[in-house]
């Protein structure tokens, strides 16, 4: 009887490890978004509240399966907040030659169209306390304080897109994104 139980436990452990993970395997734990596929956590600023990504007017997945919507949070009912997504590196599609790294992504973001009336505020390349390398672009888009922040994890970029009703709010969102940390899940 004991051997049968041990065998059953062993088989359950093997089966649970065999379940395939996807980039969208994330969940909210307390005041953080934790993604078990990429093994990172992001703690959003207290001014934001998680918001169902399916409610956003954004594509939920790319046709080429190279981009994955992970998390979003908003400032109450305001149209400001953060969207976190994963972008597969070097994924060539009919419309793109593939993003090489965070700097390449920021170069592409920085090519604003004239109707955006965008103004670059700052651009940074840095390493955070967790050892993750970031590229960041702060800008105004039609007067709205905005940023794009990217960190490479494995063969993906984790991108945090922020927009805020004020420069201090954007600074708080940027700070939270720059504190992205790896987990040992």
C-alpha atoms as a PDB file:
ATOM      1  CA  UNK A   1       0.000   0.000   0.000  1.00  0.00           C
ATOM      2  CA  UNK A   2       2.788   2.421   0.887  1.00  0.00           C
ATOM      3  CA  UNK A   3       4.630   1.736  -2.393  1.00  0.00           C
ATOM      4  CA  UNK A   4       1.420   2.422  -4.310  1.00  0.00           C
ATOM      5  CA  UNK A   5       1.032   5.793  -2.561  1.00  0.00           C
ATOM      6  CA  UNK A   6       4.660   6.701  -3.226  1.00  0.00           C
ATOM      7  CA  UNK A   7       4.250   5.705  -6.863  1.00  0.00           C
ATOM      8  CA  UNK A   8       1.101   7.848  -7.120  1.00  0.00           C
ATOM      9  CA  UNK A   9       2.862  10.853  -5.549  1.00  0.00           C
ATOM     10  CA  UNK A  10       5.833  10.375  -7.880  1.00  0.00           C
ATOM     11  CA  UNK A  11       3.544  10.242 -10.932  1.00  0.00           C
ATOM     12  CA  UNK A  12       1.662  13.364  -9.815  1.00  0.00           C
ATOM     13  CA  UNK A  13       4.944  15.250  -9.411  1.00  0.00           C
ATOM     14  CA  UNK A  14       6.061  14.163 -12.886  1.00  0.00           C
ATOM     15  CA  UNK A  15       2.716  15.136 -14.394  1.00  0.00           C
ATOM     16  CA  UNK A  16       2.749  18.586 -12.779  1.00  0.00           C
ATOM     17  CA  UNK A  17       6.231  19.271 -14.154  1.00  0.00           C
ATOM     18  CA  UNK A  18       5.166  18.149 -17.606  1.00  0.00           C
ATOM     19  CA  UNK A  19       2.488  20.851 -17.975  1.00  0.00           C
ATOM     20  CA  UNK A  20       3.692  23.270 -20.628  1.00  0.00           C
ATOM     21  CA  UNK A  21       4.003  26.885 -19.607  1.00  0.00           C
ATOM     22  CA  UNK A  22       3.263  29.866 -21.830  1.00  0.00           C
ATOM     23  CA  UNK A  23       4.500  33.472 -21.746  1.00  0.00           C
ATOM     24  CA  UNK A  24       1.088  34.525 -20.418  1.00  0.00           C
ATOM     25  CA  UNK A  25       1.488  32.413 -17.251  1.00  0.00           C
ATOM     26  CA  UNK A  26       1.262  35.290 -14.825  1.00  0.00           C
ATOM     27  CA  UNK A  27      -0.846  36.134 -11.817  1.00  0.00           C
ATOM     28  CA  UNK A  28      -1.375  38.832  -9.247  1.00  0.00           C
ATOM     29  CA  UNK A  29       0.146  38.083  -5.864  1.00  0.00           C
ATOM     30  CA  UNK A  30      -0.580  40.855  -3.364  1.00  0.00           C
ATOM     31  CA  UNK A  31       0.502  44.099  -5.022  1.00  0.00           C
ATOM     32  CA  UNK A  32       2.727  42.428  -7.634  1.00  0.00           C
ATOM     33  CA  UNK A  33       2.351  40.760 -11.000  1.00  0.00           C
ATOM     34  CA  UNK A  34       4.383  37.519 -11.006  1.00  0.00           C
ATOM     35  CA  UNK A  35       5.139  35.669 -14.238  1.00  0.00           C
ATOM     36  CA  UNK A  36       6.258  32.054 -13.803  1.00  0.00           C
ATOM     37  CA  UNK A  37       7.289  31.604 -17.458  1.00  0.00           C
ATOM     38  CA  UNK A  38       9.745  34.529 -17.513  1.00  0.00           C
ATOM     39  CA  UNK A  39      10.432  34.267 -13.780  1.00  0.00           C
ATOM     40  CA  UNK A  40      10.024  37.947 -12.947  1.00  0.00           C
ATOM     41  CA  UNK A  41       7.858  40.096 -10.721  1.00  0.00           C
ATOM     42  CA  UNK A  42       6.669  43.661 -11.132  1.00  0.00           C
ATOM     43  CA  UNK A  43       5.229  45.689  -8.253  1.00  0.00           C
ATOM     44  CA  UNK A  44       3.008  48.436  -9.600  1.00  0.00           C
ATOM     45  CA  UNK A  45       2.791  51.887  -7.951  1.00  0.00           C
ATOM     46  CA  UNK A  46       0.019  52.325  -5.368  1.00  0.00           C
ATOM     47  CA  UNK A  47      -1.710  54.929  -7.581  1.00  0.00           C
ATOM     48  CA  UNK A  48      -2.548  52.117 -10.044  1.00  0.00           C
ATOM     49  CA  UNK A  49      -5.045  49.280  -9.851  1.00  0.00           C
ATOM     50  CA  UNK A  50      -4.864  46.100 -11.996  1.00  0.00           C
ATOM     51  CA  UNK A  51      -7.043  46.292 -15.074  1.00  0.00           C
ATOM     52  CA  UNK A  52      -8.244  43.390 -17.212  1.00  0.00           C
ATOM     53  CA  UNK A  53      -6.077  43.396 -20.349  1.00  0.00           C
ATOM     54  CA  UNK A  54      -8.995  42.035 -22.374  1.00  0.00           C
ATOM     55  CA  UNK A  55     -10.839  45.315 -21.730  1.00  0.00           C
ATOM     56  CA  UNK A  56      -8.118  47.372 -23.415  1.00  0.00           C
ATOM     57  CA  UNK A  57      -8.453  48.425 -27.030  1.00  0.00           C
ATOM     58  CA  UNK A  58      -5.243  46.591 -27.861  1.00  0.00           C
ATOM     59  CA  UNK A  59      -4.641  43.336 -29.715  1.00  0.00           C
ATOM     60  CA  UNK A  60      -4.498  40.517 -27.166  1.00  0.00           C
ATOM     61  CA  UNK A  61      -2.015  38.542 -29.246  1.00  0.00           C
ATOM     62  CA  UNK A  62       0.037  39.094 -32.348  1.00  0.00           C
ATOM     63  CA  UNK A  63      -0.758  37.127 -35.509  1.00  0.00           C
ATOM     64  CA  UNK A  64       2.825  35.836 -35.555  1.00  0.00           C
ATOM     65  CA  UNK A  65       2.772  34.884 -31.826  1.00  0.00           C
ATOM     66  CA  UNK A  66       5.765  37.135 -31.121  1.00  0.00           C
ATOM     67  CA  UNK A  67       4.057  39.505 -28.678  1.00  0.00           C
ATOM     68  CA  UNK A  68       2.209  38.597 -25.505  1.00  0.00           C
ATOM     69  CA  UNK A  69       0.057  40.896 -23.387  1.00  0.00           C
ATOM     70  CA  UNK A  70       0.971  40.177 -19.757  1.00  0.00           C
ATOM     71  CA  UNK A  71      -0.517  42.775 -17.393  1.00  0.00           C
ATOM     72  CA  UNK A  72      -2.110  46.199 -17.214  1.00  0.00           C
ATOM     73  CA  UNK A  73      -3.046  48.653 -14.485  1.00  0.00           C
ATOM     74  CA  UNK A  74      -4.837  52.010 -14.569  1.00  0.00           C
ATOM     75  CA  UNK A  75      -5.203  55.156 -12.517  1.00  0.00           C
ATOM     76  CA  UNK A  76      -8.835  54.660 -11.437  1.00  0.00           C
ATOM     77  CA  UNK A  77     -11.151  55.379 -14.374  1.00  0.00           C
ATOM     78  CA  UNK A  78      -8.552  57.596 -16.045  1.00  0.00           C
ATOM     79  CA  UNK A  79      -7.015  56.537 -19.386  1.00  0.00           C
ATOM     80  CA  UNK A  80      -3.549  56.454 -17.790  1.00  0.00           C
ATOM     81  CA  UNK A  81      -1.497  53.547 -16.524  1.00  0.00           C
ATOM     82  CA  UNK A  82       0.844  50.754 -17.567  1.00  0.00           C
ATOM     83  CA  UNK A  83       0.744  47.881 -20.011  1.00  0.00           C
ATOM     84  CA  UNK A  84       3.325  45.098 -19.675  1.00  0.00           C
ATOM     85  CA  UNK A  85       4.029  42.855 -22.638  1.00  0.00           C
ATOM     86  CA  UNK A  86       6.642  40.398 -23.835  1.00  0.00           C
ATOM     87  CA  UNK A  87       8.186  40.699 -27.297  1.00  0.00           C
ATOM     88  CA  UNK A  88      10.145  37.825 -28.816  1.00  0.00           C
ATOM     89  CA  UNK A  89      13.630  38.957 -29.890  1.00  0.00           C
ATOM     90  CA  UNK A  90      14.844  38.493 -33.483  1.00  0.00           C
ATOM     91  CA  UNK A  91      11.434  37.249 -34.651  1.00  0.00           C
ATOM     92  CA  UNK A  92      11.183  38.138 -38.332  1.00  0.00           C
ATOM     93  CA  UNK A  93       7.655  38.730 -39.644  1.00  0.00           C
ATOM     94  CA  UNK A  94       6.287  40.080 -42.927  1.00  0.00           C
ATOM     95  CA  UNK A  95       6.116  43.541 -41.304  1.00  0.00           C
ATOM     96  CA  UNK A  96       9.320  43.521 -39.227  1.00  0.00           C
ATOM     97  CA  UNK A  97      12.901  42.359 -39.450  1.00  0.00           C
ATOM     98  CA  UNK A  98      12.800  41.448 -35.775  1.00  0.00           C
ATOM     99  CA  UNK A  99      13.796  43.441 -32.694  1.00  0.00           C
ATOM    100  CA  UNK A 100      17.415  42.809 -31.715  1.00  0.00           C
ATOM    101  CA  UNK A 101      17.443  44.267 -28.183  1.00  0.00           C
ATOM    102  CA  UNK A 102      16.046  47.016 -25.956  1.00  0.00           C
ATOM    103  CA  UNK A 103      17.999  49.747 -27.703  1.00  0.00           C
ATOM    104  CA  UNK A 104      16.606  48.643 -31.081  1.00  0.00           C
ATOM    105  CA  UNK A 105      13.058  48.744 -29.680  1.00  0.00           C
ATOM    106  CA  UNK A 106      13.578  52.244 -28.282  1.00  0.00           C
ATOM    107  CA  UNK A 107      15.028  53.376 -31.641  1.00  0.00           C
ATOM    108  CA  UNK A 108      11.796  52.208 -33.285  1.00  0.00           C
ATOM    109  CA  UNK A 109       9.558  53.849 -30.673  1.00  0.00           C
ATOM    110  CA  UNK A 110      11.463  57.092 -31.109  1.00  0.00           C
ATOM    111  CA  UNK A 111      10.395  57.322 -34.785  1.00  0.00           C
ATOM    112  CA  UNK A 112       7.244  59.259 -33.987  1.00  0.00           C
ATOM    113  CA  UNK A 113       4.737  60.209 -36.646  1.00  0.00           C
ATOM    114  CA  UNK A 114       4.114  63.956 -37.161  1.00  0.00           C
ATOM    115  CA  UNK A 115       0.518  63.753 -35.888  1.00  0.00           C
ATOM    116  CA  UNK A 116       1.731  62.541 -32.484  1.00  0.00           C
ATOM    117  CA  UNK A 117       3.413  65.861 -31.660  1.00  0.00           C
ATOM    118  CA  UNK A 118       5.862  63.820 -29.601  1.00  0.00           C
ATOM    119  CA  UNK A 119       8.811  65.302 -27.758  1.00  0.00           C
ATOM    120  CA  UNK A 120      11.632  63.190 -26.327  1.00  0.00           C
ATOM    121  CA  UNK A 121      12.302  64.075 -22.680  1.00  0.00           C
ATOM    122  CA  UNK A 122      15.105  61.577 -21.944  1.00  0.00           C
ATOM    123  CA  UNK A 123      16.641  58.310 -23.026  1.00  0.00           C
ATOM    124  CA  UNK A 124      18.560  55.984 -20.681  1.00  0.00           C
ATOM    125  CA  UNK A 125      20.424  52.693 -20.694  1.00  0.00           C
ATOM    126  CA  UNK A 126      21.034  51.235 -17.220  1.00  0.00           C
ATOM    127  CA  UNK A 127      21.281  48.117 -15.062  1.00  0.00           C
ATOM    128  CA  UNK A 128      19.017  47.796 -12.017  1.00  0.00           C
ATOM    129  CA  UNK A 129      19.875  46.299  -8.616  1.00  0.00           C
ATOM    130  CA  UNK A 130      18.658  42.855  -9.795  1.00  0.00           C
ATOM    131  CA  UNK A 131      21.183  42.931 -12.660  1.00  0.00           C
ATOM    132  CA  UNK A 132      18.610  43.418 -15.445  1.00  0.00           C
ATOM    133  CA  UNK A 133      19.682  45.724 -18.293  1.00  0.00           C
ATOM    134  CA  UNK A 134      17.093  48.346 -19.282  1.00  0.00           C
ATOM    135  CA  UNK A 135      16.527  50.792 -22.102  1.00  0.00           C
ATOM    136  CA  UNK A 136      14.103  53.610 -21.387  1.00  0.00           C
ATOM    137  CA  UNK A 137      12.554  56.440 -23.371  1.00  0.00           C
ATOM    138  CA  UNK A 138      10.525  59.161 -21.646  1.00  0.00           C
ATOM    139  CA  UNK A 139       8.544  61.438 -23.954  1.00  0.00           C
ATOM    140  CA  UNK A 140       5.355  63.420 -24.295  1.00  0.00           C
ATOM    141  CA  UNK A 141       2.811  62.249 -26.852  1.00  0.00           C
ATOM    142  CA  UNK A 142       0.308  65.012 -27.678  1.00  0.00           C
ATOM    143  CA  UNK A 143       1.195  66.482 -24.280  1.00  0.00           C
ATOM    144  CA  UNK A 144       0.710  63.213 -22.337  1.00  0.00           C
ATOM    145  CA  UNK A 145       3.684  62.109 -20.203  1.00  0.00           C
ATOM    146  CA  UNK A 146       4.697  58.689 -21.578  1.00  0.00           C
ATOM    147  CA  UNK A 147       7.507  56.144 -21.503  1.00  0.00           C
ATOM    148  CA  UNK A 148       8.657  52.858 -22.974  1.00  0.00           C
ATOM    149  CA  UNK A 149      10.917  50.705 -20.790  1.00  0.00           C
ATOM    150  CA  UNK A 150      12.411  47.388 -21.929  1.00  0.00           C
ATOM    151  CA  UNK A 151      14.439  44.688 -20.167  1.00  0.00           C
ATOM    152  CA  UNK A 152      15.776  41.534 -21.808  1.00  0.00           C
ATOM    153  CA  UNK A 153      14.853  38.233 -20.152  1.00  0.00           C
ATOM    154  CA  UNK A 154      15.914  35.164 -22.088  1.00  0.00           C
ATOM    155  CA  UNK A 155      14.915  35.492 -25.739  1.00  0.00           C
ATOM    156  CA  UNK A 156      12.296  38.173 -24.981  1.00  0.00           C
ATOM    157  CA  UNK A 157      12.010  41.812 -24.088  1.00  0.00           C
ATOM    158  CA  UNK A 158       9.694  42.619 -21.218  1.00  0.00           C
ATOM    159  CA  UNK A 159       8.270  46.003 -22.178  1.00  0.00           C
ATOM    160  CA  UNK A 160       6.470  48.349 -19.801  1.00  0.00           C
ATOM    161  CA  UNK A 161       4.550  51.075 -21.636  1.00  0.00           C
ATOM    162  CA  UNK A 162       3.446  53.903 -19.344  1.00  0.00           C
ATOM    163  CA  UNK A 163       1.365  57.039 -19.735  1.00  0.00           C
ATOM    164  CA  UNK A 164       0.386  59.363 -16.918  1.00  0.00           C
ATOM    165  CA  UNK A 165      -1.565  62.524 -16.234  1.00  0.00           C
ATOM    166  CA  UNK A 166       1.551  64.227 -14.828  1.00  0.00           C
ATOM    167  CA  UNK A 167       5.340  64.041 -14.952  1.00  0.00           C
ATOM    168  CA  UNK A 168       5.568  63.043 -11.239  1.00  0.00           C
ATOM    169  CA  UNK A 169       3.106  60.183 -11.832  1.00  0.00           C
ATOM    170  CA  UNK A 170       5.173  59.022 -14.822  1.00  0.00           C
ATOM    171  CA  UNK A 171       8.340  59.157 -12.706  1.00  0.00           C
ATOM    172  CA  UNK A 172       6.662  56.845 -10.157  1.00  0.00           C
ATOM    173  CA  UNK A 173       5.584  54.418 -12.900  1.00  0.00           C
ATOM    174  CA  UNK A 174       9.099  54.475 -14.407  1.00  0.00           C
ATOM    175  CA  UNK A 175      10.644  53.784 -10.979  1.00  0.00           C
ATOM    176  CA  UNK A 176       8.373  50.769 -10.460  1.00  0.00           C
ATOM    177  CA  UNK A 177       9.217  49.383 -13.917  1.00  0.00           C
ATOM    178  CA  UNK A 178      12.944  49.823 -13.280  1.00  0.00           C
ATOM    179  CA  UNK A 179      12.595  47.729 -10.116  1.00  0.00           C
ATOM    180  CA  UNK A 180      11.471  44.653 -12.080  1.00  0.00           C
ATOM    181  CA  UNK A 181      13.114  41.662 -10.441  1.00  0.00           C
ATOM    182  CA  UNK A 182      13.817  38.049 -11.241  1.00  0.00           C
ATOM    183  CA  UNK A 183      12.169  35.320  -9.161  1.00  0.00           C
ATOM    184  CA  UNK A 184      13.221  31.734  -8.455  1.00  0.00           C
ATOM    185  CA  UNK A 185       9.867  30.059  -9.164  1.00  0.00           C
END
